[in-house]
Amino acid sequence: MCEANVYLADGRKETLILEAVDRIIPEGPDSWQLTSIFGEQKTIAGRIRAMQLVDHRIIFESVERP
């Protein structure tokens, strides 16, 4: 399986955003559309902090807006 769970990190806390994500598409500066293998979609704002593909984890961090 090639899908990963996506988390949003806020300091040391990580919140699960979407499970079994197989597609991440940039929609603009710091905006991403996530699609799971089940067809569920979410758009999040943030930057990629880490990709741990062996562990099937992609971690985004929040972006401060001026």
PDB file of N, CA and C in Angstrom:
ATOM      1  N   MET A   1       0.839  -1.184   0.000  1.00  0.00           N
ATOM      2  CA  MET A   1       0.000   0.000   0.000  1.00  0.00           C
ATOM      3  C   MET A   1       0.878   1.238   0.000  1.00  0.00           C
ATOM      4  N   CYS A   2       0.463   2.240  -0.741  1.00  0.00           N
ATOM      5  CA  CYS A   2       1.258   3.455  -0.883  1.00  0.00           C
ATOM      6  C   CYS A   2       0.621   4.667  -0.228  1.00  0.00           C
ATOM      7  N   GLU A   3      -0.539   4.515   0.365  1.00  0.00           N
ATOM      8  CA  GLU A   3      -1.187   5.675   0.955  1.00  0.00           C
ATOM      9  C   GLU A   3      -0.574   6.021   2.309  1.00  0.00           C
ATOM     10  N   ALA A   4      -0.857   7.243   2.771  1.00  0.00           N
ATOM     11  CA  ALA A   4      -0.309   7.719   4.043  1.00  0.00           C
ATOM     12  C   ALA A   4      -1.394   8.477   4.795  1.00  0.00           C
ATOM     13  N   ASN A   5      -1.237   8.551   6.100  1.00  0.00           N
ATOM     14  CA  ASN A   5      -2.109   9.385   6.918  1.00  0.00           C
ATOM     15  C   ASN A   5      -1.503  10.776   6.985  1.00  0.00           C
ATOM     16  N   VAL A   6      -2.360  11.799   6.936  1.00  0.00           N
ATOM     17  CA  VAL A   6      -1.894  13.183   6.963  1.00  0.00           C
ATOM     18  C   VAL A   6      -2.244  13.799   8.313  1.00  0.00           C
ATOM     19  N   TYR A   7      -1.261  14.453   8.897  1.00  0.00           N
ATOM     20  CA  TYR A   7      -1.411  15.092  10.209  1.00  0.00           C
ATOM     21  C   TYR A   7      -1.086  16.569  10.091  1.00  0.00           C
ATOM     22  N   LEU A   8      -1.701  17.387  10.947  1.00  0.00           N
ATOM     23  CA  LEU A   8      -1.375  18.800  11.055  1.00  0.00           C
ATOM     24  C   LEU A   8      -0.743  19.014  12.420  1.00  0.00           C
ATOM     25  N   ALA A   9       0.492  19.508  12.412  1.00  0.00           N
ATOM     26  CA  ALA A   9       1.238  19.720  13.655  1.00  0.00           C
ATOM     27  C   ALA A   9       1.067  21.152  14.135  1.00  0.00           C
ATOM     28  N   ASP A  10       0.828  21.278  15.421  1.00  0.00           N
ATOM     29  CA  ASP A  10       0.734  22.576  16.074  1.00  0.00           C
ATOM     30  C   ASP A  10       1.625  22.480  17.307  1.00  0.00           C
ATOM     31  N   GLY A  11       2.858  22.933  17.160  1.00  0.00           N
ATOM     32  CA  GLY A  11       3.824  22.736  18.242  1.00  0.00           C
ATOM     33  C   GLY A  11       4.180  21.265  18.311  1.00  0.00           C
ATOM     34  N   ARG A  12       3.996  20.652  19.462  1.00  0.00           N
ATOM     35  CA  ARG A  12       4.301  19.229  19.625  1.00  0.00           C
ATOM     36  C   ARG A  12       3.087  18.336  19.371  1.00  0.00           C
ATOM     37  N   LYS A  13       1.914  18.937  19.252  1.00  0.00           N
ATOM     38  CA  LYS A  13       0.684  18.170  19.066  1.00  0.00           C
ATOM     39  C   LYS A  13       0.432  17.930  17.584  1.00  0.00           C
ATOM     40  N   GLU A  14       0.099  16.691  17.220  1.00  0.00           N
ATOM     41  CA  GLU A  14      -0.251  16.346  15.842  1.00  0.00           C
ATOM     42  C   GLU A  14      -1.690  15.858  15.812  1.00  0.00           C
ATOM     43  N   THR A  15      -2.478  16.430  14.896  1.00  0.00           N
ATOM     44  CA  THR A  15      -3.878  16.071  14.748  1.00  0.00           C
ATOM     45  C   THR A  15      -4.069  15.369  13.410  1.00  0.00           C
ATOM     46  N   LEU A  16      -4.709  14.213  13.437  1.00  0.00           N
ATOM     47  CA  LEU A  16      -4.981  13.476  12.214  1.00  0.00           C
ATOM     48  C   LEU A  16      -5.996  14.251  11.379  1.00  0.00           C
ATOM     49  N   ILE A  17      -5.648  14.525  10.126  1.00  0.00           N
ATOM     50  CA  ILE A  17      -6.526  15.258   9.220  1.00  0.00           C
ATOM     51  C   ILE A  17      -7.285  14.305   8.308  1.00  0.00           C
ATOM     52  N   LEU A  18      -6.580  13.342   7.710  1.00  0.00           N
ATOM     53  CA  LEU A  18      -7.218  12.414   6.779  1.00  0.00           C
ATOM     54  C   LEU A  18      -6.399  11.135   6.688  1.00  0.00           C
ATOM     55  N   GLU A  19      -7.075  10.000   6.692  1.00  0.00           N
ATOM     56  CA  GLU A  19      -6.414   8.699   6.592  1.00  0.00           C
ATOM     57  C   GLU A  19      -6.384   8.217   5.148  1.00  0.00           C
ATOM     58  N   ALA A  20      -5.429   7.363   4.854  1.00  0.00           N
ATOM     59  CA  ALA A  20      -5.321   6.664   3.568  1.00  0.00           C
ATOM     60  C   ALA A  20      -5.284   7.626   2.379  1.00  0.00           C
ATOM     61  N   VAL A  21      -4.489   8.669   2.504  1.00  0.00           N
ATOM     62  CA  VAL A  21      -4.359   9.669   1.431  1.00  0.00           C
ATOM     63  C   VAL A  21      -3.451   9.104   0.341  1.00  0.00           C
ATOM     64  N   ASP A  22      -3.926   9.209  -0.899  1.00  0.00           N
ATOM     65  CA  ASP A  22      -3.081   8.757  -2.005  1.00  0.00           C
ATOM     66  C   ASP A  22      -2.803   9.866  -3.009  1.00  0.00           C
ATOM     67  N   ARG A  23      -3.397  11.035  -2.798  1.00  0.00           N
ATOM     68  CA  ARG A  23      -3.148  12.150  -3.710  1.00  0.00           C
ATOM     69  C   ARG A  23      -3.097  13.461  -2.923  1.00  0.00           C
ATOM     70  N   ILE A  24      -2.036  14.237  -3.155  1.00  0.00           N
ATOM     71  CA  ILE A  24      -1.889  15.577  -2.577  1.00  0.00           C
ATOM     72  C   ILE A  24      -1.578  16.511  -3.730  1.00  0.00           C
ATOM     73  N   ILE A  25      -2.455  17.499  -3.934  1.00  0.00           N
ATOM     74  CA  ILE A  25      -2.309  18.423  -5.054  1.00  0.00           C
ATOM     75  C   ILE A  25      -2.204  19.844  -4.509  1.00  0.00           C
ATOM     76  N   PRO A  26      -1.146  20.592  -4.894  1.00  0.00           N
ATOM     77  CA  PRO A  26      -1.051  21.988  -4.462  1.00  0.00           C
ATOM     78  C   PRO A  26      -2.130  22.816  -5.153  1.00  0.00           C
ATOM     79  N   GLU A  27      -2.780  23.689  -4.365  1.00  0.00           N
ATOM     80  CA  GLU A  27      -3.830  24.552  -4.912  1.00  0.00           C
ATOM     81  C   GLU A  27      -3.438  26.018  -4.883  1.00  0.00           C
ATOM     82  N   GLY A  28      -2.312  26.332  -4.349  1.00  0.00           N
ATOM     83  CA  GLY A  28      -1.846  27.708  -4.228  1.00  0.00           C
ATOM     84  C   GLY A  28      -0.784  27.753  -3.154  1.00  0.00           C
ATOM     85  N   PRO A  29      -0.316  28.953  -2.852  1.00  0.00           N
ATOM     86  CA  PRO A  29       0.700  29.056  -1.801  1.00  0.00           C
ATOM     87  C   PRO A  29       0.178  28.488  -0.472  1.00  0.00           C
ATOM     88  N   ASP A  30       0.813  27.449  -0.002  1.00  0.00           N
ATOM     89  CA  ASP A  30       0.475  26.834   1.286  1.00  0.00           C
ATOM     90  C   ASP A  30      -0.948  26.292   1.356  1.00  0.00           C
ATOM     91  N   SER A  31      -1.515  25.888   0.225  1.00  0.00           N
ATOM     92  CA  SER A  31      -2.847  25.288   0.194  1.00  0.00           C
ATOM     93  C   SER A  31      -2.767  23.970  -0.571  1.00  0.00           C
ATOM     94  N   TRP A  32      -3.375  22.923  -0.007  1.00  0.00           N
ATOM     95  CA  TRP A  32      -3.246  21.575  -0.555  1.00  0.00           C
ATOM     96  C   TRP A  32      -4.587  20.858  -0.552  1.00  0.00           C
ATOM     97  N   GLN A  33      -4.873  20.161  -1.641  1.00  0.00           N
ATOM     98  CA  GLN A  33      -6.059  19.313  -1.694  1.00  0.00           C
ATOM     99  C   GLN A  33      -5.616  17.875  -1.458  1.00  0.00           C
ATOM    100  N   LEU A  34      -6.235  17.225  -0.469  1.00  0.00           N
ATOM    101  CA  LEU A  34      -5.937  15.846  -0.117  1.00  0.00           C
ATOM    102  C   LEU A  34      -7.087  14.968  -0.581  1.00  0.00           C
ATOM    103  N   THR A  35      -6.770  13.808  -1.136  1.00  0.00           N
ATOM    104  CA  THR A  35      -7.795  12.853  -1.542  1.00  0.00           C
ATOM    105  C   THR A  35      -7.397  11.477  -1.023  1.00  0.00           C
ATOM    106  N   SER A  36      -8.344  10.820  -0.353  1.00  0.00           N
ATOM    107  CA  SER A  36      -8.080   9.480   0.180  1.00  0.00           C
ATOM    108  C   SER A  36      -8.461   8.418  -0.842  1.00  0.00           C
ATOM    109  N   ILE A  37      -8.057   7.184  -0.568  1.00  0.00           N
ATOM    110  CA  ILE A  37      -8.404   6.080  -1.457  1.00  0.00           C
ATOM    111  C   ILE A  37      -9.908   5.806  -1.447  1.00  0.00           C
ATOM    112  N   PHE A  38     -10.627   6.388  -0.478  1.00  0.00           N
ATOM    113  CA  PHE A  38     -12.075   6.219  -0.384  1.00  0.00           C
ATOM    114  C   PHE A  38     -12.824   7.356  -1.073  1.00  0.00           C
ATOM    115  N   GLY A  39     -12.082   8.310  -1.682  1.00  0.00           N
ATOM    116  CA  GLY A  39     -12.699   9.424  -2.390  1.00  0.00           C
ATOM    117  C   GLY A  39     -12.982  10.641  -1.528  1.00  0.00           C
ATOM    118  N   GLU A  40     -12.686  10.567  -0.242  1.00  0.00           N
ATOM    119  CA  GLU A  40     -12.897  11.718   0.642  1.00  0.00           C
ATOM    120  C   GLU A  40     -11.858  12.787   0.321  1.00  0.00           C
ATOM    121  N   GLN A  41     -12.290  14.054   0.267  1.00  0.00           N
ATOM    122  CA  GLN A  41     -11.378  15.155  -0.048  1.00  0.00           C
ATOM    123  C   GLN A  41     -11.421  16.206   1.040  1.00  0.00           C
ATOM    124  N   LYS A  42     -10.261  16.794   1.286  1.00  0.00           N
ATOM    125  CA  LYS A  42     -10.138  17.925   2.213  1.00  0.00           C
ATOM    126  C   LYS A  42      -9.100  18.874   1.653  1.00  0.00           C
ATOM    127  N   THR A  43      -9.288  20.153   1.905  1.00  0.00           N
ATOM    128  CA  THR A  43      -8.292  21.161   1.561  1.00  0.00           C
ATOM    129  C   THR A  43      -7.749  21.723   2.864  1.00  0.00           C
ATOM    130  N   ILE A  44      -6.419  21.773   2.949  1.00  0.00           N
ATOM    131  CA  ILE A  44      -5.797  22.300   4.162  1.00  0.00           C
ATOM    132  C   ILE A  44      -4.807  23.401   3.799  1.00  0.00           C
ATOM    133  N   ALA A  45      -4.558  24.260   4.779  1.00  0.00           N
ATOM    134  CA  ALA A  45      -3.543  25.304   4.637  1.00  0.00           C
ATOM    135  C   ALA A  45      -2.369  24.908   5.515  1.00  0.00           C
ATOM    136  N   GLY A  46      -1.185  24.984   4.960  1.00  0.00           N
ATOM    137  CA  GLY A  46       0.008  24.637   5.730  1.00  0.00           C
ATOM    138  C   GLY A  46       1.180  24.343   4.820  1.00  0.00           C
ATOM    139  N   ARG A  47       2.274  24.002   5.451  1.00  0.00           N
ATOM    140  CA  ARG A  47       3.490  23.617   4.739  1.00  0.00           C
ATOM    141  C   ARG A  47       3.876  22.214   5.164  1.00  0.00           C
ATOM    142  N   ILE A  48       4.486  21.478   4.252  1.00  0.00           N
ATOM    143  CA  ILE A  48       4.933  20.133   4.598  1.00  0.00           C
ATOM    144  C   ILE A  48       6.123  20.242   5.547  1.00  0.00           C
ATOM    145  N   ARG A  49       5.988  19.625   6.705  1.00  0.00           N
ATOM    146  CA  ARG A  49       7.071  19.605   7.694  1.00  0.00           C
ATOM    147  C   ARG A  49       7.925  18.353   7.506  1.00  0.00           C
ATOM    148  N   ALA A  50       7.266  17.206   7.289  1.00  0.00           N
ATOM    149  CA  ALA A  50       8.003  15.949   7.162  1.00  0.00           C
ATOM    150  C   ALA A  50       7.167  14.932   6.405  1.00  0.00           C
ATOM    151  N   MET A  51       7.876  14.079   5.687  1.00  0.00           N
ATOM    152  CA  MET A  51       7.244  12.947   5.018  1.00  0.00           C
ATOM    153  C   MET A  51       7.959  11.696   5.495  1.00  0.00           C
ATOM    154  N   GLN A  52       7.256  10.855   6.213  1.00  0.00           N
ATOM    155  CA  GLN A  52       7.811   9.605   6.741  1.00  0.00           C
ATOM    156  C   GLN A  52       7.119   8.467   5.990  1.00  0.00           C
ATOM    157  N   LEU A  53       7.578   8.211   4.786  1.00  0.00           N
ATOM    158  CA  LEU A  53       6.864   7.307   3.895  1.00  0.00           C
ATOM    159  C   LEU A  53       6.911   5.850   4.346  1.00  0.00           C
ATOM    160  N   VAL A  54       7.978   5.437   4.991  1.00  0.00           N
ATOM    161  CA  VAL A  54       8.031   4.071   5.513  1.00  0.00           C
ATOM    162  C   VAL A  54       6.958   3.886   6.588  1.00  0.00           C
ATOM    163  N   ASP A  55       6.698   4.953   7.346  1.00  0.00           N
ATOM    164  CA  ASP A  55       5.682   4.913   8.404  1.00  0.00           C
ATOM    165  C   ASP A  55       4.308   5.358   7.903  1.00  0.00           C
ATOM    166  N   HIS A  56       4.205   5.708   6.616  1.00  0.00           N
ATOM    167  CA  HIS A  56       2.938   6.140   5.997  1.00  0.00           C
ATOM    168  C   HIS A  56       2.375   7.382   6.684  1.00  0.00           C
ATOM    169  N   ARG A  57       3.250   8.368   6.925  1.00  0.00           N
ATOM    170  CA  ARG A  57       2.855   9.613   7.604  1.00  0.00           C
ATOM    171  C   ARG A  57       3.357  10.818   6.814  1.00  0.00           C
ATOM    172  N   ILE A  58       2.480  11.796   6.637  1.00  0.00           N
ATOM    173  CA  ILE A  58       2.869  13.092   6.075  1.00  0.00           C
ATOM    174  C   ILE A  58       2.399  14.141   7.071  1.00  0.00           C
ATOM    175  N   ILE A  59       3.325  14.987   7.487  1.00  0.00           N
ATOM    176  CA  ILE A  59       3.021  15.960   8.532  1.00  0.00           C
ATOM    177  C   ILE A  59       3.124  17.365   7.954  1.00  0.00           C
ATOM    178  N   PHE A  60       2.033  18.103   8.068  1.00  0.00           N
ATOM    179  CA  PHE A  60       1.997  19.507   7.694  1.00  0.00           C
ATOM    180  C   PHE A  60       2.100  20.347   8.951  1.00  0.00           C
ATOM    181  N   GLU A  61       2.555  21.584   8.804  1.00  0.00           N
ATOM    182  CA  GLU A  61       2.538  22.524   9.920  1.00  0.00           C
ATOM    183  C   GLU A  61       1.697  23.723   9.516  1.00  0.00           C
ATOM    184  N   SER A  62       1.051  24.317  10.509  1.00  0.00           N
ATOM    185  CA  SER A  62       0.222  25.492  10.262  1.00  0.00           C
ATOM    186  C   SER A  62       1.066  26.653   9.772  1.00  0.00           C
ATOM    187  N   VAL A  63       0.444  27.497   8.973  1.00  0.00           N
ATOM    188  CA  VAL A  63       1.121  28.671   8.447  1.00  0.00           C
ATOM    189  C   VAL A  63       0.472  29.912   9.042  1.00  0.00           C
ATOM    190  N   GLU A  64       1.293  30.780   9.588  1.00  0.00           N
ATOM    191  CA  GLU A  64       0.781  32.040  10.124  1.00  0.00           C
ATOM    192  C   GLU A  64       0.463  32.989   8.973  1.00  0.00           C
ATOM    193  N   ARG A  65      -0.724  33.519   8.967  1.00  0.00           N
ATOM    194  CA  ARG A  65      -1.130  34.479   7.931  1.00  0.00           C
ATOM    195  C   ARG A  65      -1.001  35.894   8.498  1.00  0.00           C
ATOM    196  N   PRO A  66      -0.423  36.820   7.707  1.00  0.00           N
ATOM    197  CA  PRO A  66      -0.289  38.206   8.208  1.00  0.00           C
ATOM    198  C   PRO A  66      -1.618  38.906   8.333  1.00  0.00           C
TER     199      PRO A  66
END
